[in-house]
Amino acid sequence: MILAAGPGTRLRPLTDTTPKPLIEVRGTPLIVHQIGWLRTAGIQEIVINVHHLADQLINHLGNGSRFGVRITFMRESELLNTGGGIVNALPHLGQRPFLLMNGDVWTNFPFTHLVRHQTNQGHLVLTPVRNESNRDFALDGDIVQRFDDLACHDLTYSGIAVLHPSIFRAREAIPFSLTRDLLFAFIHQRKVTGEVFDGDWLDIGSPDNLSKLRDSTES
């Protein structure tokens, strides 16, 4: 599943007319790059949630056949945030663990090795802290941890995960945060595993990051 419903507020006015996942990098919309990464990893069925400028995304991507995948779109009449968006899409995600990616991520992460990853709760791809305000997590072996003292954290969530659909069983399709409102509880119970990725990774959620990405990929 690719999370692509958000309004991209920090990128306005660009996102007033273009949904964030359709912003071009190297002459191609970011989400098309992402679909290509997943297809290369062997994934052929992709669910994408849409809300802001949804018709643009649906019209551009179609059923996915020209990218070698099958796309199912989940329209949200109201923004359901990351957690609610997943709950809304559960009927199309099956009964086994599924790979999740934020629609604003640029990376060279090797998705192939996650395709067969098994988890009963969740497995997060974490990346070293690049911004002191994003001290979210630490790892104890492969167990994700959070502490009251943020200085103990040196990792942040990359927006890439493998999740088991059962963790959403008691939740409704209403707005809630995947991490703060759901995964934090599992993390405190030491039920979430993780791995560190120290390769190319950037979210394009801010003008500065988008400029950095365009500068690095077009130079």
N, C-alpha and C. Protein backbone atom coordinates (compact mmCIF):
# COMPACT_ATOMS: atom_id res chain seq x y z
N MET A 1 0.84 -1.19 0.00
CA MET A 1 0.00 0.00 0.00
C MET A 1 0.87 1.23 0.00
N ILE A 2 0.50 2.20 -0.83
CA ILE A 2 1.14 3.51 -0.85
C ILE A 2 0.16 4.54 -0.28
N LEU A 3 0.61 5.28 0.73
CA LEU A 3 -0.22 6.32 1.33
C LEU A 3 -0.07 7.61 0.52
N ALA A 4 -1.13 8.02 -0.15
CA ALA A 4 -1.03 9.14 -1.09
C ALA A 4 -2.18 10.13 -0.96
N ALA A 5 -2.85 10.16 0.18
CA ALA A 5 -4.06 10.97 0.31
C ALA A 5 -3.82 12.39 0.81
N GLY A 6 -2.68 12.63 1.43
CA GLY A 6 -2.46 13.91 2.12
C GLY A 6 -2.42 15.11 1.21
N PRO A 7 -2.66 16.31 1.77
CA PRO A 7 -2.72 17.53 0.98
C PRO A 7 -1.36 18.15 0.69
N GLY A 8 -0.30 17.68 1.34
CA GLY A 8 1.02 18.27 1.10
C GLY A 8 1.08 19.73 1.46
N THR A 9 0.54 20.07 2.63
CA THR A 9 0.38 21.46 3.04
C THR A 9 1.68 22.26 2.98
N ARG A 10 2.78 21.65 3.41
CA ARG A 10 4.05 22.39 3.48
C ARG A 10 4.61 22.73 2.11
N LEU A 11 4.10 22.08 1.08
CA LEU A 11 4.60 22.34 -0.28
C LEU A 11 3.72 23.30 -1.07
N ARG A 12 2.72 23.89 -0.41
CA ARG A 12 1.91 24.88 -1.10
C ARG A 12 2.77 26.08 -1.50
N PRO A 13 2.51 26.71 -2.64
CA PRO A 13 1.34 26.53 -3.50
C PRO A 13 1.47 25.41 -4.54
N LEU A 14 2.62 24.75 -4.62
CA LEU A 14 2.80 23.69 -5.62
C LEU A 14 1.70 22.64 -5.51
N THR A 15 1.36 22.24 -4.29
CA THR A 15 0.38 21.17 -4.11
C THR A 15 -1.06 21.65 -4.16
N ASP A 16 -1.25 22.95 -4.39
CA ASP A 16 -2.62 23.42 -4.62
C ASP A 16 -3.17 22.89 -5.93
N THR A 17 -2.26 22.61 -6.86
CA THR A 17 -2.70 22.14 -8.19
C THR A 17 -2.14 20.78 -8.56
N THR A 18 -1.16 20.29 -7.80
CA THR A 18 -0.54 18.99 -8.09
C THR A 18 -0.48 18.17 -6.82
N PRO A 19 -1.04 16.96 -6.79
CA PRO A 19 -0.91 16.13 -5.60
C PRO A 19 0.56 15.77 -5.37
N LYS A 20 0.97 15.75 -4.12
CA LYS A 20 2.38 15.55 -3.79
C LYS A 20 3.00 14.33 -4.49
N PRO A 21 2.32 13.18 -4.57
CA PRO A 21 2.94 12.03 -5.22
C PRO A 21 3.17 12.20 -6.72
N LEU A 22 2.53 13.19 -7.34
CA LEU A 22 2.73 13.42 -8.77
C LEU A 22 3.80 14.47 -9.06
N ILE A 23 4.43 15.01 -8.01
CA ILE A 23 5.53 15.95 -8.23
C ILE A 23 6.66 15.21 -8.95
N GLU A 24 7.21 15.85 -9.97
CA GLU A 24 8.19 15.16 -10.81
C GLU A 24 9.61 15.22 -10.25
N VAL A 25 10.28 14.09 -10.33
CA VAL A 25 11.69 13.96 -10.04
C VAL A 25 12.31 13.21 -11.21
N ARG A 26 13.36 13.77 -11.79
CA ARG A 26 13.97 13.19 -12.99
C ARG A 26 12.95 13.03 -14.12
N GLY A 27 12.02 13.98 -14.19
CA GLY A 27 11.06 13.99 -15.28
C GLY A 27 9.92 13.01 -15.12
N THR A 28 9.83 12.35 -13.98
CA THR A 28 8.80 11.34 -13.75
C THR A 28 8.17 11.57 -12.38
N PRO A 29 6.84 11.45 -12.26
CA PRO A 29 6.21 11.63 -10.96
C PRO A 29 6.80 10.68 -9.91
N LEU A 30 6.95 11.17 -8.70
CA LEU A 30 7.55 10.38 -7.64
C LEU A 30 6.85 9.04 -7.46
N ILE A 31 5.52 9.03 -7.49
CA ILE A 31 4.80 7.79 -7.24
C ILE A 31 5.03 6.77 -8.35
N VAL A 32 5.35 7.22 -9.54
CA VAL A 32 5.67 6.28 -10.62
C VAL A 32 7.02 5.62 -10.34
N HIS A 33 7.97 6.39 -9.83
CA HIS A 33 9.23 5.79 -9.39
C HIS A 33 8.95 4.72 -8.33
N GLN A 34 8.09 5.07 -7.36
CA GLN A 34 7.80 4.14 -6.27
C GLN A 34 7.16 2.85 -6.78
N ILE A 35 6.23 2.98 -7.69
CA ILE A 35 5.60 1.80 -8.28
C ILE A 35 6.64 0.93 -8.97
N GLY A 36 7.59 1.58 -9.63
CA GLY A 36 8.66 0.84 -10.29
C GLY A 36 9.53 0.08 -9.30
N TRP A 37 9.84 0.72 -8.16
CA TRP A 37 10.64 0.03 -7.14
C TRP A 37 9.90 -1.21 -6.64
N LEU A 38 8.60 -1.07 -6.40
CA LEU A 38 7.83 -2.20 -5.89
C LEU A 38 7.70 -3.30 -6.93
N ARG A 39 7.50 -2.90 -8.17
CA ARG A 39 7.39 -3.90 -9.24
C ARG A 39 8.70 -4.67 -9.37
N THR A 40 9.81 -3.98 -9.29
CA THR A 40 11.12 -4.64 -9.37
C THR A 40 11.30 -5.64 -8.24
N ALA A 41 10.69 -5.36 -7.09
CA ALA A 41 10.77 -6.26 -5.94
C ALA A 41 9.81 -7.43 -6.05
N GLY A 42 9.02 -7.46 -7.11
CA GLY A 42 8.10 -8.58 -7.33
C GLY A 42 6.68 -8.32 -6.90
N ILE A 43 6.38 -7.09 -6.47
CA ILE A 43 5.02 -6.75 -6.06
C ILE A 43 4.20 -6.36 -7.28
N GLN A 44 3.05 -6.98 -7.42
CA GLN A 44 2.21 -6.73 -8.60
C GLN A 44 0.85 -6.13 -8.26
N GLU A 45 0.45 -6.20 -6.99
CA GLU A 45 -0.83 -5.64 -6.57
C GLU A 45 -0.59 -4.53 -5.56
N ILE A 46 -1.06 -3.33 -5.88
CA ILE A 46 -0.80 -2.16 -5.05
C ILE A 46 -2.12 -1.44 -4.75
N VAL A 47 -2.31 -1.11 -3.49
CA VAL A 47 -3.46 -0.30 -3.06
C VAL A 47 -2.94 1.11 -2.78
N ILE A 48 -3.65 2.10 -3.29
CA ILE A 48 -3.27 3.50 -3.08
C ILE A 48 -4.47 4.25 -2.54
N ASN A 49 -4.32 4.90 -1.38
CA ASN A 49 -5.42 5.72 -0.90
C ASN A 49 -5.28 7.14 -1.44
N VAL A 50 -6.41 7.76 -1.77
CA VAL A 50 -6.39 9.09 -2.40
C VAL A 50 -7.48 9.97 -1.79
N HIS A 51 -7.18 11.26 -1.74
CA HIS A 51 -8.17 12.24 -1.27
C HIS A 51 -7.91 13.58 -1.96
N HIS A 52 -6.79 14.23 -1.63
CA HIS A 52 -6.46 15.52 -2.21
C HIS A 52 -6.15 15.37 -3.70
N LEU A 53 -6.92 16.09 -4.55
CA LEU A 53 -6.74 16.02 -6.01
C LEU A 53 -6.70 14.57 -6.48
N ALA A 54 -7.62 13.78 -5.94
CA ALA A 54 -7.64 12.34 -6.20
C ALA A 54 -7.76 12.00 -7.67
N ASP A 55 -8.57 12.75 -8.40
CA ASP A 55 -8.79 12.42 -9.81
C ASP A 55 -7.51 12.50 -10.62
N GLN A 56 -6.62 13.42 -10.26
CA GLN A 56 -5.36 13.52 -10.99
C GLN A 56 -4.54 12.24 -10.84
N LEU A 57 -4.46 11.74 -9.62
CA LEU A 57 -3.72 10.50 -9.38
C LEU A 57 -4.36 9.32 -10.10
N ILE A 58 -5.67 9.20 -9.99
CA ILE A 58 -6.37 8.08 -10.61
C ILE A 58 -6.23 8.13 -12.13
N ASN A 59 -6.40 9.32 -12.70
CA ASN A 59 -6.31 9.44 -14.17
C ASN A 59 -4.89 9.18 -14.67
N HIS A 60 -3.89 9.60 -13.90
CA HIS A 60 -2.51 9.42 -14.35
C HIS A 60 -2.07 7.97 -14.26
N LEU A 61 -2.45 7.29 -13.18
CA LEU A 61 -1.96 5.93 -12.95
C LEU A 61 -2.86 4.86 -13.55
N GLY A 62 -4.15 5.17 -13.69
CA GLY A 62 -5.07 4.18 -14.26
C GLY A 62 -5.10 2.91 -13.43
N ASN A 63 -5.28 1.79 -14.12
CA ASN A 63 -5.34 0.51 -13.40
C ASN A 63 -3.95 -0.08 -13.14
N GLY A 64 -2.91 0.64 -13.56
CA GLY A 64 -1.55 0.20 -13.30
C GLY A 64 -0.95 -0.69 -14.36
N SER A 65 -1.73 -1.07 -15.36
CA SER A 65 -1.25 -2.05 -16.35
C SER A 65 -0.03 -1.56 -17.12
N ARG A 66 0.05 -0.26 -17.39
CA ARG A 66 1.20 0.22 -18.16
C ARG A 66 2.48 0.24 -17.32
N PHE A 67 2.33 0.04 -16.01
CA PHE A 67 3.50 -0.06 -15.13
C PHE A 67 3.77 -1.50 -14.72
N GLY A 68 2.98 -2.43 -15.22
CA GLY A 68 3.17 -3.83 -14.90
C GLY A 68 2.61 -4.25 -13.56
N VAL A 69 1.64 -3.48 -13.03
CA VAL A 69 1.03 -3.81 -11.75
C VAL A 69 -0.48 -3.63 -11.86
N ARG A 70 -1.18 -4.06 -10.81
CA ARG A 70 -2.62 -3.81 -10.70
C ARG A 70 -2.85 -2.87 -9.52
N ILE A 71 -3.48 -1.74 -9.80
CA ILE A 71 -3.70 -0.72 -8.77
C ILE A 71 -5.16 -0.69 -8.36
N THR A 72 -5.41 -0.69 -7.06
CA THR A 72 -6.73 -0.45 -6.49
C THR A 72 -6.68 0.87 -5.73
N PHE A 73 -7.57 1.78 -6.07
CA PHE A 73 -7.62 3.08 -5.39
C PHE A 73 -8.69 3.05 -4.30
N MET A 74 -8.35 3.62 -3.17
CA MET A 74 -9.31 3.79 -2.07
C MET A 74 -9.54 5.28 -1.88
N ARG A 75 -10.69 5.77 -2.33
CA ARG A 75 -11.03 7.17 -2.15
C ARG A 75 -11.45 7.43 -0.70
N GLU A 76 -10.99 8.53 -0.16
CA GLU A 76 -11.40 8.94 1.18
C GLU A 76 -12.19 10.23 1.07
N SER A 77 -13.46 10.20 1.48
CA SER A 77 -14.28 11.41 1.41
C SER A 77 -13.80 12.45 2.41
N GLU A 78 -13.20 11.97 3.52
CA GLU A 78 -12.49 12.83 4.46
C GLU A 78 -11.13 12.20 4.71
N LEU A 79 -10.15 13.02 5.02
CA LEU A 79 -8.82 12.49 5.29
C LEU A 79 -8.86 11.59 6.53
N LEU A 80 -8.34 10.38 6.39
CA LEU A 80 -8.38 9.41 7.47
C LEU A 80 -7.04 9.25 8.17
N ASN A 81 -6.07 10.09 7.82
CA ASN A 81 -4.73 9.99 8.38
C ASN A 81 -4.13 8.63 8.01
N THR A 82 -2.96 8.35 8.50
CA THR A 82 -2.26 7.14 8.08
C THR A 82 -2.95 5.87 8.58
N GLY A 83 -3.38 5.89 9.84
CA GLY A 83 -4.02 4.69 10.40
C GLY A 83 -5.39 4.43 9.82
N GLY A 84 -6.24 5.43 9.81
CA GLY A 84 -7.58 5.26 9.27
C GLY A 84 -7.58 4.90 7.80
N GLY A 85 -6.60 5.44 7.07
CA GLY A 85 -6.50 5.12 5.65
C GLY A 85 -6.21 3.64 5.42
N ILE A 86 -5.38 3.07 6.28
CA ILE A 86 -5.07 1.65 6.16
C ILE A 86 -6.29 0.81 6.53
N VAL A 87 -6.97 1.16 7.62
CA VAL A 87 -8.18 0.42 8.01
C VAL A 87 -9.20 0.43 6.88
N ASN A 88 -9.37 1.57 6.24
CA ASN A 88 -10.32 1.69 5.14
C ASN A 88 -9.96 0.78 3.98
N ALA A 89 -8.66 0.49 3.83
CA ALA A 89 -8.19 -0.32 2.70
C ALA A 89 -8.05 -1.80 3.05
N LEU A 90 -8.27 -2.18 4.30
CA LEU A 90 -8.04 -3.57 4.73
C LEU A 90 -8.71 -4.62 3.85
N PRO A 91 -9.94 -4.40 3.35
CA PRO A 91 -10.57 -5.45 2.53
C PRO A 91 -9.75 -5.81 1.29
N HIS A 92 -8.83 -4.93 0.88
CA HIS A 92 -8.03 -5.18 -0.33
C HIS A 92 -6.59 -5.57 0.01
N LEU A 93 -6.27 -5.70 1.29
CA LEU A 93 -4.89 -5.96 1.69
C LEU A 93 -4.63 -7.41 2.09
N GLY A 94 -5.69 -8.21 2.12
CA GLY A 94 -5.50 -9.63 2.40
C GLY A 94 -5.30 -9.93 3.87
N GLN A 95 -4.92 -11.19 4.15
CA GLN A 95 -4.78 -11.66 5.52
C GLN A 95 -3.33 -11.83 5.95
N ARG A 96 -2.41 -11.56 5.05
CA ARG A 96 -0.99 -11.74 5.35
C ARG A 96 -0.31 -10.38 5.49
N PRO A 97 0.90 -10.34 6.04
CA PRO A 97 1.61 -9.05 6.16
C PRO A 97 1.73 -8.35 4.81
N PHE A 98 1.60 -7.03 4.83
CA PHE A 98 1.70 -6.24 3.61
C PHE A 98 2.76 -5.16 3.79
N LEU A 99 3.34 -4.75 2.67
CA LEU A 99 4.34 -3.70 2.69
C LEU A 99 3.64 -2.35 2.57
N LEU A 100 4.09 -1.39 3.37
CA LEU A 100 3.51 -0.05 3.39
C LEU A 100 4.59 0.97 3.07
N MET A 101 4.25 1.97 2.27
CA MET A 101 5.20 3.05 1.97
C MET A 101 4.46 4.38 1.90
N ASN A 102 5.05 5.40 2.49
CA ASN A 102 4.53 6.76 2.35
C ASN A 102 4.74 7.25 0.94
N GLY A 103 3.78 8.01 0.44
CA GLY A 103 3.84 8.47 -0.95
C GLY A 103 4.76 9.64 -1.19
N ASP A 104 5.54 10.04 -0.17
CA ASP A 104 6.46 11.16 -0.36
C ASP A 104 7.91 10.76 -0.14
N VAL A 105 8.20 9.45 -0.25
CA VAL A 105 9.54 8.93 0.05
C VAL A 105 10.35 8.69 -1.22
N TRP A 106 11.57 9.20 -1.24
CA TRP A 106 12.54 8.88 -2.29
C TRP A 106 13.68 8.10 -1.63
N THR A 107 14.02 6.94 -2.19
CA THR A 107 15.02 6.10 -1.54
C THR A 107 15.60 5.10 -2.53
N ASN A 108 16.74 4.52 -2.16
CA ASN A 108 17.27 3.37 -2.90
C ASN A 108 17.23 2.12 -2.01
N PHE A 109 16.29 2.10 -1.09
CA PHE A 109 16.12 0.95 -0.20
C PHE A 109 15.85 -0.31 -1.02
N PRO A 110 16.47 -1.45 -0.65
CA PRO A 110 16.26 -2.70 -1.38
C PRO A 110 14.96 -3.39 -0.96
N PHE A 111 13.87 -3.04 -1.59
CA PHE A 111 12.57 -3.56 -1.20
C PHE A 111 12.46 -5.08 -1.33
N THR A 112 13.26 -5.68 -2.18
CA THR A 112 13.14 -7.11 -2.44
C THR A 112 13.20 -7.94 -1.16
N HIS A 113 14.05 -7.54 -0.23
CA HIS A 113 14.22 -8.38 0.95
C HIS A 113 13.06 -8.23 1.94
N LEU A 114 12.19 -7.23 1.75
CA LEU A 114 11.02 -7.09 2.62
C LEU A 114 9.82 -7.88 2.13
N VAL A 115 9.82 -8.28 0.87
CA VAL A 115 8.64 -8.88 0.26
C VAL A 115 8.17 -10.12 1.02
N ARG A 116 9.12 -10.91 1.50
CA ARG A 116 8.76 -12.14 2.21
C ARG A 116 8.93 -12.03 3.72
N HIS A 117 9.08 -10.80 4.20
CA HIS A 117 9.27 -10.64 5.64
C HIS A 117 7.98 -10.99 6.39
N GLN A 118 8.13 -11.80 7.43
CA GLN A 118 6.98 -12.22 8.22
C GLN A 118 6.97 -11.51 9.57
N THR A 119 5.81 -11.05 9.98
CA THR A 119 5.64 -10.41 11.27
C THR A 119 4.22 -10.64 11.75
N ASN A 120 4.05 -10.76 13.05
CA ASN A 120 2.71 -10.87 13.63
C ASN A 120 2.16 -9.51 14.03
N GLN A 121 3.01 -8.50 14.07
CA GLN A 121 2.60 -7.14 14.40
C GLN A 121 3.14 -6.17 13.34
N GLY A 122 4.38 -5.73 13.52
CA GLY A 122 4.93 -4.79 12.57
C GLY A 122 6.44 -4.83 12.54
N HIS A 123 6.99 -4.42 11.40
CA HIS A 123 8.44 -4.33 11.20
C HIS A 123 8.70 -3.00 10.51
N LEU A 124 9.49 -2.13 11.14
CA LEU A 124 9.72 -0.79 10.64
C LEU A 124 11.12 -0.65 10.05
N VAL A 125 11.20 0.05 8.94
CA VAL A 125 12.50 0.45 8.42
C VAL A 125 12.80 1.82 9.00
N LEU A 126 13.90 1.91 9.73
CA LEU A 126 14.30 3.13 10.42
C LEU A 126 15.55 3.70 9.76
N THR A 127 15.71 5.00 9.87
CA THR A 127 16.88 5.65 9.28
C THR A 127 17.51 6.56 10.33
N PRO A 128 18.83 6.74 10.30
CA PRO A 128 19.48 7.59 11.29
C PRO A 128 18.90 9.00 11.33
N VAL A 129 18.85 9.57 12.52
CA VAL A 129 18.28 10.90 12.70
C VAL A 129 19.06 11.93 11.90
N ARG A 130 18.36 12.68 11.08
CA ARG A 130 18.96 13.76 10.31
C ARG A 130 18.51 15.12 10.84
N ASN A 131 17.48 15.10 11.65
CA ASN A 131 16.92 16.32 12.23
C ASN A 131 16.67 16.04 13.72
N GLU A 132 17.24 16.84 14.59
CA GLU A 132 17.15 16.57 16.03
C GLU A 132 15.72 16.47 16.52
N SER A 133 14.78 17.08 15.82
CA SER A 133 13.38 17.02 16.25
C SER A 133 12.73 15.68 15.93
N ASN A 134 13.43 14.83 15.16
CA ASN A 134 12.87 13.54 14.77
C ASN A 134 13.51 12.38 15.50
N ARG A 135 13.88 12.60 16.76
CA ARG A 135 14.45 11.51 17.56
C ARG A 135 13.31 10.63 18.07
N ASP A 136 12.89 9.67 17.24
CA ASP A 136 11.68 8.92 17.55
C ASP A 136 11.93 7.56 18.18
N PHE A 137 12.99 6.84 17.73
CA PHE A 137 13.14 5.45 18.11
C PHE A 137 14.59 5.08 18.38
N ALA A 138 14.74 3.92 19.03
CA ALA A 138 16.04 3.25 19.19
C ALA A 138 15.82 1.77 18.92
N LEU A 139 16.90 1.05 18.71
CA LEU A 139 16.80 -0.39 18.51
C LEU A 139 17.57 -1.13 19.60
N ASP A 140 16.95 -2.20 20.12
CA ASP A 140 17.62 -3.13 21.01
C ASP A 140 17.67 -4.46 20.27
N GLY A 141 18.80 -4.75 19.61
CA GLY A 141 18.82 -5.87 18.67
C GLY A 141 17.95 -5.50 17.49
N ASP A 142 16.86 -6.26 17.30
CA ASP A 142 15.92 -5.89 16.24
C ASP A 142 14.58 -5.42 16.82
N ILE A 143 14.55 -5.11 18.13
CA ILE A 143 13.32 -4.66 18.77
C ILE A 143 13.30 -3.13 18.81
N VAL A 144 12.23 -2.55 18.30
CA VAL A 144 12.09 -1.09 18.30
C VAL A 144 11.71 -0.63 19.70
N GLN A 145 12.35 0.43 20.15
CA GLN A 145 12.08 0.96 21.48
C GLN A 145 11.84 2.47 21.43
N ARG A 146 11.09 2.94 22.45
CA ARG A 146 10.91 4.37 22.68
C ARG A 146 11.14 4.65 24.16
N PHE A 147 11.79 5.77 24.44
CA PHE A 147 12.10 6.14 25.81
C PHE A 147 11.53 7.53 26.11
N ASP A 148 11.31 7.81 27.38
CA ASP A 148 10.85 9.15 27.78
C ASP A 148 11.92 10.19 27.45
N ASP A 149 13.18 9.79 27.56
CA ASP A 149 14.29 10.68 27.26
C ASP A 149 14.61 10.58 25.76
N LEU A 150 14.21 11.59 25.01
CA LEU A 150 14.39 11.55 23.55
C LEU A 150 15.86 11.48 23.15
N ALA A 151 16.77 11.90 24.05
CA ALA A 151 18.20 11.85 23.73
C ALA A 151 18.68 10.41 23.56
N CYS A 152 17.89 9.45 24.05
CA CYS A 152 18.24 8.03 23.90
C CYS A 152 17.92 7.51 22.51
N HIS A 153 17.23 8.31 21.72
CA HIS A 153 16.82 7.88 20.38
C HIS A 153 17.82 8.38 19.33
N ASP A 154 18.09 7.55 18.36
CA ASP A 154 18.96 7.98 17.26
C ASP A 154 18.41 7.59 15.89
N LEU A 155 17.12 7.20 15.86
CA LEU A 155 16.52 6.73 14.62
C LEU A 155 15.14 7.36 14.43
N THR A 156 14.72 7.44 13.16
CA THR A 156 13.38 7.91 12.84
C THR A 156 12.75 6.97 11.83
N TYR A 157 11.44 6.94 11.79
CA TYR A 157 10.70 6.07 10.88
C TYR A 157 10.84 6.57 9.45
N SER A 158 11.17 5.67 8.55
CA SER A 158 11.43 6.06 7.15
C SER A 158 10.16 6.15 6.31
N GLY A 159 9.03 5.71 6.86
CA GLY A 159 7.83 5.64 6.03
C GLY A 159 7.71 4.35 5.25
N ILE A 160 8.53 3.36 5.61
CA ILE A 160 8.50 2.04 4.98
C ILE A 160 8.34 1.01 6.08
N ALA A 161 7.39 0.08 5.91
CA ALA A 161 7.13 -0.90 6.95
C ALA A 161 6.49 -2.15 6.36
N VAL A 162 6.52 -3.21 7.14
CA VAL A 162 5.70 -4.39 6.88
C VAL A 162 4.78 -4.53 8.08
N LEU A 163 3.47 -4.62 7.83
CA LEU A 163 2.49 -4.67 8.90
C LEU A 163 1.56 -5.87 8.73
N HIS A 164 1.15 -6.43 9.85
CA HIS A 164 0.17 -7.52 9.79
C HIS A 164 -1.22 -6.90 9.93
N PRO A 165 -2.16 -7.27 9.07
CA PRO A 165 -3.49 -6.63 9.13
C PRO A 165 -4.22 -6.85 10.44
N SER A 166 -3.85 -7.89 11.20
CA SER A 166 -4.56 -8.17 12.46
C SER A 166 -4.41 -7.06 13.48
N ILE A 167 -3.36 -6.24 13.39
CA ILE A 167 -3.18 -5.19 14.39
C ILE A 167 -4.22 -4.08 14.24
N PHE A 168 -4.93 -4.08 13.12
CA PHE A 168 -5.96 -3.06 12.88
C PHE A 168 -7.37 -3.58 13.17
N ARG A 169 -7.46 -4.82 13.65
CA ARG A 169 -8.75 -5.49 13.73
C ARG A 169 -9.76 -4.74 14.59
N ALA A 170 -9.31 -4.14 15.66
CA ALA A 170 -10.24 -3.47 16.57
C ALA A 170 -10.43 -2.00 16.24
N ARG A 171 -9.83 -1.53 15.16
CA ARG A 171 -9.89 -0.10 14.83
C ARG A 171 -10.94 0.18 13.77
N GLU A 172 -11.47 1.41 13.79
CA GLU A 172 -12.44 1.85 12.80
C GLU A 172 -11.77 2.75 11.78
N ALA A 173 -12.41 2.91 10.64
CA ALA A 173 -11.89 3.76 9.58
C ALA A 173 -12.22 5.22 9.88
N ILE A 174 -11.59 5.71 10.93
CA ILE A 174 -11.71 7.11 11.32
C ILE A 174 -10.29 7.65 11.42
N PRO A 175 -10.11 8.98 11.40
CA PRO A 175 -8.75 9.52 11.39
C PRO A 175 -7.96 9.15 12.65
N PHE A 176 -6.81 8.52 12.44
CA PHE A 176 -5.86 8.30 13.54
C PHE A 176 -4.48 8.04 12.95
N SER A 177 -3.46 8.28 13.77
CA SER A 177 -2.08 8.13 13.34
C SER A 177 -1.62 6.68 13.50
N LEU A 178 -1.03 6.14 12.46
CA LEU A 178 -0.49 4.78 12.51
C LEU A 178 0.53 4.64 13.63
N THR A 179 1.46 5.56 13.72
CA THR A 179 2.54 5.44 14.71
C THR A 179 2.06 5.83 16.11
N ARG A 180 1.65 7.06 16.26
CA ARG A 180 1.33 7.58 17.60
C ARG A 180 0.15 6.84 18.25
N ASP A 181 -0.91 6.56 17.48
CA ASP A 181 -2.13 6.03 18.05
C ASP A 181 -2.23 4.51 18.01
N LEU A 182 -1.28 3.84 17.35
CA LEU A 182 -1.36 2.39 17.26
C LEU A 182 -0.01 1.72 17.55
N LEU A 183 0.99 2.03 16.75
CA LEU A 183 2.25 1.30 16.88
C LEU A 183 2.99 1.59 18.18
N PHE A 184 2.84 2.79 18.72
CA PHE A 184 3.53 3.10 19.98
C PHE A 184 3.17 2.09 21.07
N ALA A 185 1.91 1.68 21.13
CA ALA A 185 1.49 0.72 22.15
C ALA A 185 2.18 -0.63 21.94
N PHE A 186 2.27 -1.08 20.71
CA PHE A 186 2.96 -2.34 20.42
C PHE A 186 4.46 -2.22 20.70
N ILE A 187 5.00 -1.05 20.44
CA ILE A 187 6.43 -0.83 20.70
C ILE A 187 6.71 -0.91 22.20
N HIS A 188 5.84 -0.34 23.00
CA HIS A 188 6.03 -0.40 24.44
C HIS A 188 5.94 -1.82 24.96
N GLN A 189 5.25 -2.69 24.21
CA GLN A 189 5.16 -4.10 24.58
C GLN A 189 6.28 -4.92 23.93
N ARG A 190 7.20 -4.24 23.26
CA ARG A 190 8.34 -4.88 22.59
C ARG A 190 7.88 -5.89 21.52
N LYS A 191 6.84 -5.53 20.80
CA LYS A 191 6.29 -6.43 19.79
C LYS A 191 6.59 -5.99 18.36
N VAL A 192 7.29 -4.87 18.21
CA VAL A 192 7.59 -4.35 16.88
C VAL A 192 9.09 -4.49 16.62
N THR A 193 9.43 -5.08 15.49
CA THR A 193 10.84 -5.21 15.12
C THR A 193 11.20 -4.10 14.14
N GLY A 194 12.50 -3.97 13.91
CA GLY A 194 12.95 -2.92 13.00
C GLY A 194 14.32 -3.22 12.45
N GLU A 195 14.71 -2.45 11.47
CA GLU A 195 16.04 -2.52 10.88
C GLU A 195 16.46 -1.11 10.51
N VAL A 196 17.76 -0.90 10.41
CA VAL A 196 18.30 0.42 10.07
C VAL A 196 18.70 0.43 8.60
N PHE A 197 18.25 1.47 7.91
CA PHE A 197 18.69 1.70 6.53
C PHE A 197 19.44 3.02 6.48
N ASP A 198 20.70 2.96 6.04
CA ASP A 198 21.54 4.15 6.03
C ASP A 198 21.89 4.58 4.62
N GLY A 199 21.08 4.17 3.64
CA GLY A 199 21.32 4.56 2.26
C GLY A 199 20.59 5.84 1.91
N ASP A 200 20.32 6.05 0.63
CA ASP A 200 19.62 7.26 0.18
C ASP A 200 18.18 7.23 0.66
N TRP A 201 17.79 8.27 1.34
CA TRP A 201 16.42 8.39 1.82
C TRP A 201 16.10 9.85 2.05
N LEU A 202 14.93 10.27 1.56
CA LEU A 202 14.49 11.65 1.76
C LEU A 202 12.99 11.69 1.57
N ASP A 203 12.30 12.43 2.44
CA ASP A 203 10.90 12.70 2.16
C ASP A 203 10.82 14.06 1.50
N ILE A 204 9.87 14.21 0.59
CA ILE A 204 9.78 15.47 -0.15
C ILE A 204 8.70 16.37 0.44
N GLY A 205 8.43 16.21 1.73
CA GLY A 205 7.34 16.94 2.35
C GLY A 205 7.59 18.41 2.60
N SER A 206 8.81 18.88 2.36
CA SER A 206 9.11 20.30 2.57
C SER A 206 9.80 20.85 1.33
N PRO A 207 9.71 22.15 1.09
CA PRO A 207 10.39 22.75 -0.06
C PRO A 207 11.90 22.50 -0.03
N ASP A 208 12.51 22.56 1.16
CA ASP A 208 13.96 22.34 1.25
C ASP A 208 14.32 20.93 0.81
N ASN A 209 13.58 19.93 1.28
CA ASN A 209 13.88 18.54 0.91
C ASN A 209 13.63 18.28 -0.56
N LEU A 210 12.58 18.89 -1.10
CA LEU A 210 12.31 18.72 -2.52
C LEU A 210 13.45 19.33 -3.34
N SER A 211 13.92 20.49 -2.93
CA SER A 211 15.03 21.13 -3.64
C SER A 211 16.30 20.28 -3.54
N LYS A 212 16.58 19.73 -2.35
CA LYS A 212 17.74 18.87 -2.19
C LYS A 212 17.66 17.66 -3.12
N LEU A 213 16.47 17.06 -3.18
CA LEU A 213 16.30 15.88 -4.01
C LEU A 213 16.50 16.22 -5.48
N ARG A 214 15.89 17.30 -5.91
CA ARG A 214 16.03 17.68 -7.32
C ARG A 214 17.47 18.05 -7.66
N ASP A 215 18.15 18.73 -6.74
CA ASP A 215 19.53 19.08 -6.97
C ASP A 215 20.41 17.84 -7.06
N SER A 216 20.15 16.86 -6.19
CA SER A 216 21.01 15.65 -6.16
C SER A 216 20.74 14.73 -7.33
N THR A 217 19.52 14.70 -7.82
CA THR A 217 19.18 13.76 -8.89
C THR A 217 19.36 14.37 -10.27
N GLU A 218 19.47 15.69 -10.33
CA GLU A 218 19.58 16.32 -11.63
C GLU A 218 20.98 16.86 -11.90
N SER A 219 21.88 16.71 -10.90
CA SER A 219 23.25 17.19 -11.07
C SER A 219 24.11 16.14 -11.73
